[in-house]
Each structure stands twice: as C-alpha cells, then as structure tokens.
Amino acid sequence: MGNGSDQGHRHDDITGNELVSLEAEIPEVLFDGMREFIRSHPHWDQYRLVSSALACFLFQNGCTDRNVTQHYLNGLFLRQEAS
C-alpha cells in the first residue's frame, strides 16, 4: 500500500466473490488489539475483522457504493455461528 501501487493479488472465495490480497503496515498497538480481540472472539479472524473495519470506515465516511453498505450492514448483524 505504501509504494503507491493500488494493485493487489486477486482471487475468488468459495462463494464466488472476488477477493484482493493486500499487505499493510499498522502500528503495533493496533495489531496487539486485533490479536486480543480475535483471542476473545474465536468466530472472528483477521480477514473478517479487517474487512469489517474497512467497510465501517468507508460507510461512515460517505461511501455510497451499495456493496460496501451491504458488507457494513452484514457485519453489524452477523451472529456467532453455533459450534
């Protein structure tokens, strides 16, 4: 992300949605917070957390793309899956 390139590695997930891999440097305190959250909430993983955080940021800052809005709303209402 920091090199000015907006290209990432693209692939599809099991539902056919296109995914883009990216690499980002974040402050260690945020990484530690993410790691602790995931330990406390085992139905979350780093991919779900980062996707949810990004959708939330975009939605709350005026993004009007319906897919982003849907992802944001899905993140609000997803419940822990039964074990």
Protein backbone atom coordinates (compact mmCIF):
# COMPACT_ATOMS: atom_id res chain seq x y z
CA MET A 1 0.00 0.00 0.00
CA GLY A 2 2.76 2.45 0.82
CA ASN A 3 4.51 2.13 -2.54
CA GLY A 4 1.79 3.96 -4.49
CA SER A 5 0.59 0.81 -6.19
CA ASP A 6 -3.11 0.04 -5.99
CA GLN A 7 -2.66 -3.43 -7.41
CA GLY A 8 -3.22 -6.44 -5.18
CA HIS A 9 -3.39 -10.17 -5.76
CA ARG A 10 -6.94 -11.03 -6.90
CA HIS A 11 -8.77 -14.34 -6.45
CA ASP A 12 -12.28 -15.62 -5.74
CA ASP A 13 -13.53 -17.01 -2.43
CA ILE A 14 -15.72 -20.10 -2.12
CA THR A 15 -18.88 -18.03 -2.74
CA GLY A 16 -17.50 -16.62 -5.99
CA ASN A 17 -16.84 -13.14 -4.56
CA GLU A 18 -13.66 -11.56 -5.83
CA LEU A 19 -11.04 -11.02 -3.12
CA VAL A 20 -7.94 -8.86 -3.24
CA SER A 21 -4.95 -9.64 -1.04
CA LEU A 22 -3.09 -6.70 0.39
CA GLU A 23 -0.24 -6.03 2.74
CA ALA A 24 -0.24 -3.13 5.17
CA GLU A 25 1.95 -1.85 7.95
CA ILE A 26 -0.01 -0.90 11.05
CA PRO A 27 1.00 0.35 14.49
CA GLU A 28 1.90 -2.49 16.83
CA VAL A 29 -0.74 -1.37 19.34
CA LEU A 30 -3.46 -1.94 16.71
CA PHE A 31 -2.06 -5.35 15.86
CA ASP A 32 -1.98 -6.30 19.54
CA GLY A 33 -5.58 -5.10 19.93
CA MET A 34 -6.65 -7.14 16.92
CA ARG A 35 -4.88 -10.23 18.21
CA GLU A 36 -6.51 -9.89 21.65
CA PHE A 37 -9.96 -9.34 20.10
CA ILE A 38 -9.60 -12.48 17.98
CA ARG A 39 -8.48 -14.49 21.01
CA SER A 40 -11.60 -13.33 22.87
CA HIS A 41 -13.92 -13.83 19.87
CA PRO A 42 -12.91 -17.10 18.15
CA HIS A 43 -15.62 -16.79 15.48
CA TRP A 44 -13.69 -13.78 14.11
CA ASP A 45 -10.43 -13.93 12.18
CA GLN A 46 -8.07 -11.24 10.92
CA TYR A 47 -9.66 -11.20 7.48
CA ARG A 48 -13.19 -10.71 8.78
CA LEU A 49 -12.03 -8.06 11.26
CA VAL A 50 -10.09 -6.01 8.69
CA SER A 51 -12.89 -6.29 6.09
CA SER A 52 -15.46 -5.21 8.66
CA ALA A 53 -13.31 -2.30 9.86
CA LEU A 54 -12.71 -1.10 6.30
CA ALA A 55 -16.41 -1.33 5.38
CA CYS A 56 -17.29 0.56 8.56
CA PHE A 57 -14.76 3.31 7.82
CA LEU A 58 -15.91 3.71 4.22
CA PHE A 59 -19.62 3.71 5.12
CA GLN A 60 -19.19 6.20 7.97
CA ASN A 61 -17.15 8.50 5.74
CA GLY A 62 -19.69 8.80 2.96
CA CYS A 63 -19.07 5.88 0.61
CA THR A 64 -22.33 5.29 -1.27
CA ASP A 65 -21.44 2.03 -3.01
CA ARG A 66 -24.27 -0.42 -2.28
CA ASN A 67 -21.88 -3.36 -1.95
CA VAL A 68 -19.88 -1.53 0.73
CA THR A 69 -23.10 -0.64 2.55
CA GLN A 70 -24.24 -4.28 2.38
CA HIS A 71 -20.92 -5.51 3.73
CA TYR A 72 -21.15 -2.95 6.56
CA LEU A 73 -24.70 -3.98 7.47
CA ASN A 74 -23.86 -7.68 7.28
CA GLY A 75 -21.04 -7.08 9.74
CA LEU A 76 -23.43 -5.43 12.17
CA PHE A 77 -25.90 -8.29 12.21
CA LEU A 78 -23.76 -11.43 11.82
CA ARG A 79 -24.02 -13.62 14.87
CA GLN A 80 -21.60 -16.14 16.26
CA GLU A 81 -22.06 -19.43 14.43
CA ALA A 82 -23.22 -22.36 16.52
CA SER A 83 -20.42 -24.80 17.35
